[in-house]
Amino acid sequence: MLNVETVRKISPTSMESIHPSLRRNSSTIKPVKEEVLYSSKSLQLTEYTFEDENGKAKSAEVIHKRYM
């Protein structure tokens, strides 16, 4: 069973808003899994799952605010 560490962040999803453990050498690690947990006209909650250099799974839940 994988040990998953959850990090919650609020959008906008720029480099500054991504938790340091999900960045490597100031470049973003690409997610291995992306799942939309909730979606409405103004908000979207998405869970991203990443693997670090040791193969340990980490996830982040990101709230995207949609501007109309």
C-alpha atoms as a PDB file:
ATOM      1  CA  MET A   1       0.000   0.000   0.000  1.00  0.00           C
ATOM      2  CA  LEU A   2       1.336   3.420  -0.952  1.00  0.00           C
ATOM      3  CA  ASN A   3       1.897   6.105   1.643  1.00  0.00           C
ATOM      4  CA  VAL A   4       0.094   9.140   0.214  1.00  0.00           C
ATOM      5  CA  GLU A   5       0.772  12.631   1.544  1.00  0.00           C
ATOM      6  CA  THR A   6      -1.975  15.161   0.828  1.00  0.00           C
ATOM      7  CA  VAL A   7      -1.190  18.820   0.244  1.00  0.00           C
ATOM      8  CA  ARG A   8      -4.034  21.304  -0.199  1.00  0.00           C
ATOM      9  CA  LYS A   9      -3.464  24.412  -2.277  1.00  0.00           C
ATOM     10  CA  ILE A  10      -5.769  27.116  -3.630  1.00  0.00           C
ATOM     11  CA  SER A  11      -5.560  28.363  -7.245  1.00  0.00           C
ATOM     12  CA  PRO A  12      -4.337  30.050  -9.360  1.00  0.00           C
ATOM     13  CA  THR A  13      -2.137  27.105 -10.281  1.00  0.00           C
ATOM     14  CA  SER A  14       1.103  28.928 -10.938  1.00  0.00           C
ATOM     15  CA  MET A  15       4.600  27.836  -9.925  1.00  0.00           C
ATOM     16  CA  GLU A  16       4.268  29.908  -6.741  1.00  0.00           C
ATOM     17  CA  SER A  17       1.138  28.000  -5.640  1.00  0.00           C
ATOM     18  CA  ILE A  18       2.585  24.495  -6.125  1.00  0.00           C
ATOM     19  CA  HIS A  19       3.917  22.963  -2.914  1.00  0.00           C
ATOM     20  CA  PRO A  20       7.762  22.718  -2.931  1.00  0.00           C
ATOM     21  CA  SER A  21       7.607  18.928  -2.505  1.00  0.00           C
ATOM     22  CA  LEU A  22       5.808  18.720  -5.870  1.00  0.00           C
ATOM     23  CA  ARG A  23       8.527  20.735  -7.670  1.00  0.00           C
ATOM     24  CA  ARG A  24      11.947  19.571  -8.808  1.00  0.00           C
ATOM     25  CA  ASN A  25      14.720  22.039  -9.715  1.00  0.00           C
ATOM     26  CA  SER A  26      12.103  24.810 -10.160  1.00  0.00           C
ATOM     27  CA  SER A  27      10.276  22.821 -12.853  1.00  0.00           C
ATOM     28  CA  THR A  28       6.872  21.274 -12.277  1.00  0.00           C
ATOM     29  CA  ILE A  29       6.603  17.495 -11.978  1.00  0.00           C
ATOM     30  CA  LYS A  30       3.949  16.215 -14.368  1.00  0.00           C
ATOM     31  CA  PRO A  31       1.068  14.367 -12.692  1.00  0.00           C
ATOM     32  CA  VAL A  32       0.640  10.644 -13.305  1.00  0.00           C
ATOM     33  CA  LYS A  33      -3.073  10.875 -12.502  1.00  0.00           C
ATOM     34  CA  GLU A  34      -5.584  13.737 -12.647  1.00  0.00           C
ATOM     35  CA  GLU A  35      -9.143  13.390 -11.312  1.00  0.00           C
ATOM     36  CA  VAL A  36     -11.904  16.031 -11.194  1.00  0.00           C
ATOM     37  CA  LEU A  37     -13.601  15.651  -7.803  1.00  0.00           C
ATOM     38  CA  TYR A  38     -16.146  18.477  -8.162  1.00  0.00           C
ATOM     39  CA  SER A  39     -17.132  20.873 -10.924  1.00  0.00           C
ATOM     40  CA  SER A  40     -19.590  23.774 -11.084  1.00  0.00           C
ATOM     41  CA  LYS A  41     -19.964  26.944 -13.155  1.00  0.00           C
ATOM     42  CA  SER A  42     -17.531  28.902 -10.971  1.00  0.00           C
ATOM     43  CA  LEU A  43     -15.299  26.299  -9.234  1.00  0.00           C
ATOM     44  CA  GLN A  44     -13.515  23.046  -9.979  1.00  0.00           C
ATOM     45  CA  LEU A  45     -11.751  20.786  -7.469  1.00  0.00           C
ATOM     46  CA  THR A  46      -9.102  18.550  -9.024  1.00  0.00           C
ATOM     47  CA  GLU A  47      -6.831  15.976  -7.383  1.00  0.00           C
ATOM     48  CA  TYR A  48      -3.387  15.481  -8.943  1.00  0.00           C
ATOM     49  CA  THR A  49      -1.208  12.467  -8.050  1.00  0.00           C
ATOM     50  CA  PHE A  50       2.571  12.638  -8.536  1.00  0.00           C
ATOM     51  CA  GLU A  51       5.521  10.320  -7.939  1.00  0.00           C
ATOM     52  CA  ASP A  52       8.713  11.742  -6.458  1.00  0.00           C
ATOM     53  CA  GLU A  53      12.221  10.581  -7.385  1.00  0.00           C
ATOM     54  CA  ASN A  54      11.924   7.705  -4.870  1.00  0.00           C
ATOM     55  CA  GLY A  55       8.650   6.468  -6.377  1.00  0.00           C
ATOM     56  CA  LYS A  56       6.638   7.685  -3.373  1.00  0.00           C
ATOM     57  CA  ALA A  57       3.127   8.840  -4.335  1.00  0.00           C
ATOM     58  CA  LYS A  58       2.082  12.369  -3.366  1.00  0.00           C
ATOM     59  CA  SER A  59      -1.168  14.115  -4.140  1.00  0.00           C
ATOM     60  CA  ALA A  60      -2.470  17.663  -4.192  1.00  0.00           C
ATOM     61  CA  GLU A  61      -6.035  18.927  -4.300  1.00  0.00           C
ATOM     62  CA  VAL A  62      -6.313  22.163  -6.277  1.00  0.00           C
ATOM     63  CA  ILE A  63      -9.306  24.509  -6.425  1.00  0.00           C
ATOM     64  CA  HIS A  64      -9.625  26.317  -9.755  1.00  0.00           C
ATOM     65  CA  LYS A  65     -11.774  29.455  -9.830  1.00  0.00           C
ATOM     66  CA  ARG A  66     -13.370  30.022 -13.216  1.00  0.00           C
ATOM     67  CA  TYR A  67     -13.748  33.623 -14.310  1.00  0.00           C
ATOM     68  CA  MET A  68     -16.741  34.470 -16.471  1.00  0.00           C
END
